[in-house]
Protein backbone atom coordinates (compact mmCIF):
# COMPACT_ATOMS: atom_id res chain seq x y z
CA MET A 1 0.00 0.00 0.00
CA ALA A 2 1.26 3.48 -0.81
CA ARG A 3 2.42 5.77 1.92
CA LYS A 4 0.07 8.58 2.87
CA ARG A 5 1.37 11.97 1.83
CA ARG A 6 2.59 13.98 4.80
CA VAL A 7 2.74 17.75 5.09
CA HIS A 8 5.72 19.25 6.88
CA SER A 9 5.69 22.67 8.48
CA PRO A 10 8.18 25.35 7.44
CA GLU A 11 9.71 25.13 10.92
CA PHE A 12 10.30 21.40 10.48
CA LYS A 13 11.99 21.97 7.12
CA LEU A 14 14.23 24.72 8.50
CA GLU A 15 15.18 22.55 11.47
CA ALA A 16 16.02 19.65 9.17
CA ILE A 17 18.28 21.90 7.11
CA ARG A 18 19.90 23.27 10.27
CA LEU A 19 20.64 19.72 11.48
CA LEU A 20 22.16 18.88 8.14
CA GLU A 21 24.35 21.98 7.94
CA GLU A 22 25.49 22.18 11.57
CA GLY A 23 26.11 18.51 12.23
CA ASN A 24 28.68 16.19 10.73
CA LEU A 25 25.93 13.90 9.53
CA LYS A 26 25.22 12.73 6.02
CA VAL A 27 21.97 13.53 4.25
CA SER A 28 20.87 9.92 4.53
CA GLU A 29 21.47 9.87 8.30
CA VAL A 30 19.48 13.05 8.96
CA ALA A 31 16.70 11.87 6.65
CA ARG A 32 16.50 8.52 8.42
CA ASP A 33 16.35 10.22 11.83
CA LEU A 34 13.50 12.48 10.65
CA ASP A 35 11.71 9.69 8.75
CA ILE A 36 11.87 11.45 5.39
CA THR A 37 13.56 10.52 2.14
CA PRO A 38 17.06 11.81 1.40
CA SER A 39 15.90 13.26 -1.92
CA LEU A 40 13.25 15.32 -0.13
CA LEU A 41 15.86 16.68 2.27
CA ARG A 42 18.16 17.53 -0.64
CA SER A 43 15.35 19.40 -2.42
CA TRP A 44 14.59 21.38 0.75
CA ARG A 45 18.27 22.29 1.10
CA LYS A 46 18.47 23.38 -2.54
CA LYS A 47 15.32 25.49 -2.27
CA PHE A 48 16.60 27.07 0.95
CA SER A 49 19.96 27.91 -0.63
CA GLU A 50 18.19 29.60 -3.56
CA LEU A 51 15.47 31.52 -1.69
CA GLY A 52 16.63 31.70 1.92
CA LYS A 53 13.93 32.14 4.57
CA ASP A 54 11.31 32.75 1.84
CA ALA A 55 11.74 29.18 0.61
CA PHE A 56 8.92 27.80 2.76
CA PRO A 57 6.10 30.35 3.00
CA GLY A 58 3.66 27.86 4.50
CA HIS A 59 0.65 25.88 3.38
CA GLY A 60 -1.41 27.86 0.90
CA ASN A 61 0.80 30.94 1.10
CA LEU A 62 2.73 32.23 -1.87
CA SER A 63 6.13 33.84 -1.92
CA ASP A 64 6.37 37.52 -2.80
CA VAL A 65 7.58 36.70 -6.31
CA GLU A 66 4.71 34.27 -6.92
CA THR A 67 2.18 36.79 -5.58
CA GLU A 68 3.52 39.52 -7.88
CA ASN A 69 3.55 37.10 -10.83
CA ARG A 70 -0.11 36.19 -10.21
CA ARG A 71 -1.10 39.87 -9.97
CA LEU A 72 0.70 40.69 -13.23
CA ARG A 73 -0.95 37.79 -15.04
CA GLN A 74 -4.38 38.99 -13.94
CA GLU A 75 -3.60 42.54 -15.01
CA ASN A 76 -2.34 41.29 -18.37
CA ALA A 77 -5.55 39.32 -18.97
CA LYS A 78 -7.66 42.37 -18.11
CA LEU A 79 -5.66 44.59 -20.49
CA LYS A 80 -6.08 42.04 -23.30
CA GLN A 81 -9.86 42.07 -22.79
CA GLU A 82 -9.93 45.87 -22.88
CA ARG A 83 -7.81 45.93 -26.03
CA ASP A 84 -10.05 43.41 -27.78
CA PHE A 85 -13.14 45.41 -26.79
CA LEU A 86 -11.64 48.62 -28.19
CA LYS A 87 -10.76 46.88 -31.46
CA LYS A 88 -14.36 45.71 -31.84
CA ALA A 89 -15.71 49.15 -30.99
CA ALA A 90 -13.39 50.81 -33.51
CA THR A 91 -14.53 48.38 -36.20
CA PHE A 92 -18.18 49.00 -35.35
CA PHE A 93 -17.86 52.81 -35.52
CA ALA A 94 -15.81 52.62 -38.71
CA LYS A 95 -18.65 50.75 -40.38
CA GLU A 96 -21.23 53.26 -39.07
CA SER A 97 -19.39 56.22 -40.56
CA GLU A 98 -19.35 54.76 -44.07
């Protein structure tokens, strides 16, 4: 039977990385002690090295970059709708003036 997916808190992930970096233990040893896979611990360490404390914003929370990206995508979609509407209106009024 497959293992049930577990959710780890940002604090747990940061503590796991701290244990890995401060101790003289291998990734596999720390992972075994925490009952997680070594590949998961490596991915957490990589994400933490790239983004720092913003690497684990929490369940359902987005990082600042992701929030800004979402806002810009929504604004872009709205501007495309407005542009398309103006094109149709310009075509309509051009036909009326003929």
